[in-house]
Amino acid sequence: MTTPPAHIEIDGTPAADPELLATLMSGFGHFTAMQVRDGRVKGLALHLDRLDRSTRELFDRELDGKRVHDLIAGALATAGRRDASVRVYVYPGVRTVVTVADPAPEGPGAPQRLTTVDYWRPAPHIKHLGGFGQHYHGAAARRAGYDEALLTSPYGEIAEGAVTNIAFWDGTSVVWPSAPCLAGITMALLEQRLPSVRRPVTLADLPGYRAAFVTNSRTIAAVTAIDEVEFAVDEELMGRVYSAYDSVEWDSL
């Protein structure tokens, strides 16, 4: 067992629990993020399964879904929130932290322009902490006037956005890149409800697609450009995507 630091200060004030703070500062762990509306969330079972699978892989222990459910409900009650952005973090020792913040705006997200970067996340199947690379590239993309970074291999294979999944429309199917990536909860819910396939997508393939969109826990938004390749917003497609997501039942917390 790692010995905790004897003393930690934050802006000159001693930390109330140095051992807990040292755990949270370790940068080793994983999390899930969700939008709560009227005390309900979409895809709760998928969130709980993600947390359990990642806990087993990282810490060789199971994570009780009922306990996580109760922790979320308790945090919402303490915060006096029925609508919120909620995150559940799991750290060494299976210490579980729930954060409650303002909810994301509702409705379709604004169309996005993406720029590509040569970077894939390590252990991309885990929604893990320590995402310096993706945050670095995302911030650089925004400084350059884009909305999001699109992560690619040195050979131009597309994996995912810095904080999103991406999908393409070939006129028949929604195409999700098959490169290693995080299978987001919104992506999983849509993949079950739309004609979908997974296959390799490269930068050279982009002109052959009719449209694209990105998803994460906060938004679903059309993509209007990836570097110099432009896409028209397919209103019919996006209507089907939004309708598919709206059809997902809400789970009570």
Protein backbone atom coordinates (compact mmCIF):
# COMPACT_ATOMS: atom_id res chain seq x y z
CA MET A 1 0.00 0.00 0.00
CA THR A 2 1.28 3.46 -0.89
CA THR A 3 1.98 5.65 2.13
CA PRO A 4 -0.03 8.90 1.85
CA PRO A 5 1.81 12.23 2.05
CA ALA A 6 2.13 13.52 5.60
CA HIS A 7 0.88 16.99 4.69
CA ILE A 8 -0.90 18.55 1.68
CA GLU A 9 -1.97 22.17 1.27
CA ILE A 10 -4.28 23.74 -1.30
CA ASP A 11 -3.66 27.46 -1.90
CA GLY A 12 -2.03 27.60 1.50
CA THR A 13 -4.83 25.74 3.32
CA PRO A 14 -4.17 22.23 4.71
CA ALA A 15 -6.27 19.55 3.05
CA ALA A 16 -8.89 18.05 5.36
CA ASP A 17 -8.10 14.49 4.28
CA PRO A 18 -4.59 14.17 2.79
CA GLU A 19 -5.02 10.45 2.09
CA LEU A 20 -8.19 11.00 0.07
CA LEU A 21 -6.69 13.96 -1.76
CA ALA A 22 -3.58 11.97 -2.65
CA THR A 23 -5.83 9.25 -4.10
CA LEU A 24 -7.77 11.76 -6.19
CA MET A 25 -4.56 13.38 -7.40
CA SER A 26 -3.09 10.05 -8.52
CA GLY A 27 -4.52 10.43 -12.02
CA PHE A 28 -5.29 6.72 -12.14
CA GLY A 29 -8.93 5.81 -12.43
CA HIS A 30 -11.95 5.97 -14.66
CA PHE A 31 -15.35 7.63 -14.85
CA THR A 32 -18.65 7.96 -16.64
CA ALA A 33 -20.63 11.12 -17.43
CA MET A 34 -24.38 11.49 -17.80
CA GLN A 35 -27.13 14.03 -18.15
CA VAL A 36 -29.90 13.83 -15.55
CA ARG A 37 -33.35 15.26 -16.22
CA ASP A 38 -36.12 15.21 -13.61
CA GLY A 39 -34.12 12.68 -11.61
CA ARG A 40 -33.79 10.31 -14.57
CA VAL A 41 -31.01 9.28 -16.96
CA LYS A 42 -30.82 7.47 -20.29
CA GLY A 43 -28.80 4.25 -20.53
CA LEU A 44 -28.29 3.81 -16.79
CA ALA A 45 -27.53 0.09 -17.18
CA LEU A 46 -24.85 0.93 -19.76
CA HIS A 47 -23.25 3.43 -17.38
CA LEU A 48 -23.22 0.95 -14.51
CA ASP A 49 -21.83 -1.79 -16.75
CA ARG A 50 -19.07 0.53 -17.99
CA LEU A 51 -18.08 1.39 -14.43
CA ASP A 52 -18.06 -2.24 -13.32
CA ARG A 53 -16.06 -3.49 -16.33
CA SER A 54 -13.44 -0.76 -15.96
CA THR A 55 -13.19 -1.31 -12.20
CA ARG A 56 -12.61 -5.03 -12.74
CA GLU A 57 -9.93 -4.32 -15.35
CA LEU A 58 -8.08 -1.58 -13.45
CA PHE A 59 -8.54 -2.71 -9.83
CA ASP A 60 -9.52 -6.40 -10.10
CA ARG A 61 -12.68 -5.78 -8.09
CA GLU A 62 -16.35 -5.52 -8.93
CA LEU A 63 -18.35 -2.33 -8.43
CA ASP A 64 -21.82 -2.76 -6.97
CA GLY A 65 -24.29 -1.07 -9.30
CA LYS A 66 -26.88 -0.53 -6.58
CA ARG A 67 -24.32 1.30 -4.47
CA VAL A 68 -23.42 3.56 -7.40
CA HIS A 69 -27.13 4.18 -8.05
CA ASP A 70 -27.60 5.16 -4.40
CA LEU A 71 -24.52 7.41 -4.43
CA ILE A 72 -25.82 9.29 -7.47
CA ALA A 73 -29.31 9.65 -5.99
CA GLY A 74 -27.81 10.83 -2.69
CA ALA A 75 -25.56 13.41 -4.36
CA LEU A 76 -28.49 14.80 -6.37
CA ALA A 77 -30.62 15.02 -3.24
CA THR A 78 -27.88 16.76 -1.27
CA ALA A 79 -27.32 19.22 -4.12
CA GLY A 80 -31.08 19.78 -4.42
CA ARG A 81 -30.96 19.00 -8.15
CA ARG A 82 -33.40 17.20 -10.42
CA ASP A 83 -31.57 18.32 -13.60
CA ALA A 84 -27.78 18.07 -13.66
CA SER A 85 -24.58 16.96 -15.32
CA VAL A 86 -23.34 14.06 -13.21
CA ARG A 87 -20.01 12.28 -13.22
CA VAL A 88 -19.03 9.16 -11.30
CA TYR A 89 -15.29 8.65 -10.76
CA VAL A 90 -13.65 5.47 -9.47
CA TYR A 91 -10.14 5.61 -7.98
CA PRO A 92 -7.70 3.11 -6.41
CA GLY A 93 -9.28 1.33 -3.49
CA VAL A 94 -12.56 1.61 -5.44
CA ARG A 95 -13.14 4.98 -3.85
CA THR A 96 -16.11 6.43 -5.67
CA VAL A 97 -16.71 10.15 -6.19
CA VAL A 98 -19.91 11.69 -7.61
CA THR A 99 -19.94 15.25 -8.92
CA VAL A 100 -23.08 17.26 -9.67
CA ALA A 101 -22.96 20.33 -11.92
CA ASP A 102 -25.24 22.42 -14.10
CA PRO A 103 -26.99 20.46 -16.87
CA ALA A 104 -25.92 20.79 -20.48
CA PRO A 105 -28.21 22.81 -22.77
CA GLU A 106 -31.01 20.70 -24.18
CA GLY A 107 -31.71 20.20 -27.88
CA PRO A 108 -29.46 19.61 -30.91
CA GLY A 109 -25.90 20.83 -30.68
CA ALA A 110 -24.54 23.50 -33.00
CA PRO A 111 -22.85 22.15 -36.17
CA GLN A 112 -19.16 21.48 -35.64
CA ARG A 113 -15.96 21.92 -37.63
CA LEU A 114 -13.22 19.39 -36.84
CA THR A 115 -9.50 19.27 -37.43
CA THR A 116 -7.48 16.06 -37.51
CA VAL A 117 -4.53 15.21 -35.26
CA ASP A 118 -2.18 12.23 -35.24
CA TYR A 119 -3.08 10.81 -31.82
CA TRP A 120 -4.92 7.82 -30.36
CA ARG A 121 -5.76 7.57 -26.67
CA PRO A 122 -4.02 4.81 -24.66
CA ALA A 123 -6.42 2.06 -23.53
CA PRO A 124 -9.14 3.80 -25.55
CA HIS A 125 -11.88 1.35 -24.49
CA ILE A 126 -11.72 2.81 -20.97
CA LYS A 127 -13.07 6.26 -20.10
CA HIS A 128 -9.98 6.86 -18.00
CA LEU A 129 -8.40 9.78 -16.21
CA GLY A 130 -5.20 11.46 -17.26
CA GLY A 131 -6.41 12.50 -20.70
CA PHE A 132 -3.69 15.10 -21.24
CA GLY A 133 -3.25 14.28 -24.92
CA GLN A 134 -6.89 14.57 -25.89
CA HIS A 135 -7.37 17.76 -23.85
CA TYR A 136 -4.20 19.24 -25.33
CA HIS A 137 -5.31 18.56 -28.89
CA GLY A 138 -8.87 19.67 -28.18
CA ALA A 139 -7.68 23.01 -26.79
CA ALA A 140 -5.32 23.48 -29.74
CA ALA A 141 -8.20 22.80 -32.14
CA ARG A 142 -10.36 25.46 -30.48
CA ARG A 143 -7.53 28.00 -30.55
CA ALA A 144 -7.24 27.34 -34.29
CA GLY A 145 -10.95 28.11 -34.76
CA TYR A 146 -12.33 24.56 -34.80
CA ASP A 147 -14.84 22.99 -32.42
CA GLU A 148 -13.18 19.63 -31.82
CA ALA A 149 -10.11 17.54 -32.62
CA LEU A 150 -10.52 14.30 -34.57
CA LEU A 151 -8.04 11.61 -33.54
CA THR A 152 -6.36 9.63 -36.32
CA SER A 153 -3.51 7.17 -36.77
CA PRO A 154 -0.28 8.11 -38.60
CA TYR A 155 -1.84 6.39 -41.63
CA GLY A 156 -5.01 8.46 -41.55
CA GLU A 157 -7.42 5.97 -39.93
CA ILE A 158 -10.08 7.79 -37.93
CA ALA A 159 -10.86 6.64 -34.39
CA GLU A 160 -12.90 9.24 -32.46
CA GLY A 161 -13.05 12.87 -31.43
CA ALA A 162 -11.11 14.18 -28.45
CA VAL A 163 -14.29 14.03 -26.35
CA THR A 164 -16.79 12.62 -28.86
CA ASN A 165 -17.61 9.67 -31.05
CA ILE A 166 -18.02 10.33 -34.75
CA ALA A 167 -20.30 8.67 -37.29
CA PHE A 168 -20.60 8.97 -41.05
CA TRP A 169 -23.56 8.55 -43.39
CA ASP A 170 -23.08 6.71 -46.68
CA GLY A 171 -26.69 7.06 -47.78
CA THR A 172 -27.69 3.65 -46.43
CA SER A 173 -26.01 3.12 -43.07
CA VAL A 174 -24.56 5.07 -40.20
CA VAL A 175 -20.87 4.11 -40.25
CA TRP A 176 -19.01 4.09 -36.94
CA PRO A 177 -15.21 3.87 -37.31
CA SER A 178 -13.94 0.46 -36.23
CA ALA A 179 -10.58 1.77 -34.98
CA PRO A 180 -9.98 1.40 -31.22
CA CYS A 181 -12.04 4.01 -29.39
CA LEU A 182 -14.30 4.57 -26.41
CA ALA A 183 -17.79 3.23 -27.15
CA GLY A 184 -19.75 6.16 -25.75
CA ILE A 185 -23.13 5.64 -24.12
CA THR A 186 -24.90 7.91 -26.62
CA MET A 187 -23.17 6.05 -29.45
CA ALA A 188 -24.30 2.70 -28.02
CA LEU A 189 -27.90 3.86 -27.68
CA LEU A 190 -28.00 5.18 -31.25
CA GLU A 191 -26.23 2.15 -32.72
CA GLN A 192 -29.08 -0.03 -31.42
CA ARG A 193 -31.72 2.18 -33.04
CA LEU A 194 -30.25 3.22 -36.39
CA PRO A 195 -29.08 1.13 -39.37
CA SER A 196 -25.44 0.95 -38.32
CA VAL A 197 -22.19 -0.72 -39.33
CA ARG A 198 -18.65 -0.54 -38.04
CA ARG A 199 -15.80 -0.45 -40.52
CA PRO A 200 -12.47 1.33 -41.04
CA VAL A 201 -12.78 4.96 -42.06
CA THR A 202 -9.76 6.87 -43.34
CA LEU A 203 -9.16 10.50 -44.25
CA ALA A 204 -9.03 9.42 -47.89
CA ASP A 205 -12.57 8.04 -47.54
CA LEU A 206 -14.13 11.31 -46.38
CA PRO A 207 -15.21 12.70 -49.78
CA GLY A 208 -17.27 9.53 -50.31
CA TYR A 209 -19.53 10.18 -47.32
CA ARG A 210 -22.66 12.31 -47.53
CA ALA A 211 -22.76 13.56 -43.95
CA ALA A 212 -21.24 13.14 -40.50
CA PHE A 213 -22.16 13.82 -36.88
CA VAL A 214 -20.61 13.60 -33.41
CA THR A 215 -22.04 12.39 -30.12
CA ASN A 216 -21.23 12.45 -26.43
CA SER A 217 -23.06 12.71 -23.12
CA ARG A 218 -23.75 16.41 -23.68
CA THR A 219 -24.71 16.70 -27.33
CA ILE A 220 -25.44 15.26 -30.74
CA ALA A 221 -24.29 17.61 -33.49
CA ALA A 222 -23.85 17.61 -37.25
CA VAL A 223 -20.33 17.99 -38.66
CA THR A 224 -19.89 20.59 -41.38
CA ALA A 225 -16.16 20.16 -42.07
CA ILE A 226 -13.16 17.96 -41.32
CA ASP A 227 -10.10 20.01 -42.25
CA GLU A 228 -10.75 21.02 -45.89
CA VAL A 229 -13.48 18.42 -46.54
CA GLU A 230 -16.92 19.98 -46.16
CA PHE A 231 -20.21 18.23 -45.39
CA ALA A 232 -23.73 19.48 -45.91
CA VAL A 233 -26.03 19.16 -42.92
CA ASP A 234 -28.41 16.35 -43.85
CA GLU A 235 -31.57 17.51 -42.09
CA GLU A 236 -33.41 14.25 -42.77
CA LEU A 237 -30.56 12.19 -41.31
CA MET A 238 -30.21 14.42 -38.25
CA GLY A 239 -33.95 14.27 -37.70
CA ARG A 240 -33.73 10.48 -37.64
CA VAL A 241 -30.76 10.60 -35.26
CA TYR A 242 -32.50 12.97 -32.83
CA SER A 243 -35.71 10.94 -33.01
CA ALA A 244 -33.80 7.75 -32.28
CA TYR A 245 -32.23 9.30 -29.21
CA ASP A 246 -35.53 10.78 -28.07
CA SER A 247 -37.07 7.29 -28.23
CA VAL A 248 -34.69 6.00 -25.52
CA GLU A 249 -36.55 5.45 -22.25
CA TRP A 250 -35.50 7.28 -19.13
CA ASP A 251 -34.31 5.32 -16.06
CA SER A 252 -35.12 6.60 -12.58
CA LEU A 253 -32.36 7.36 -10.11
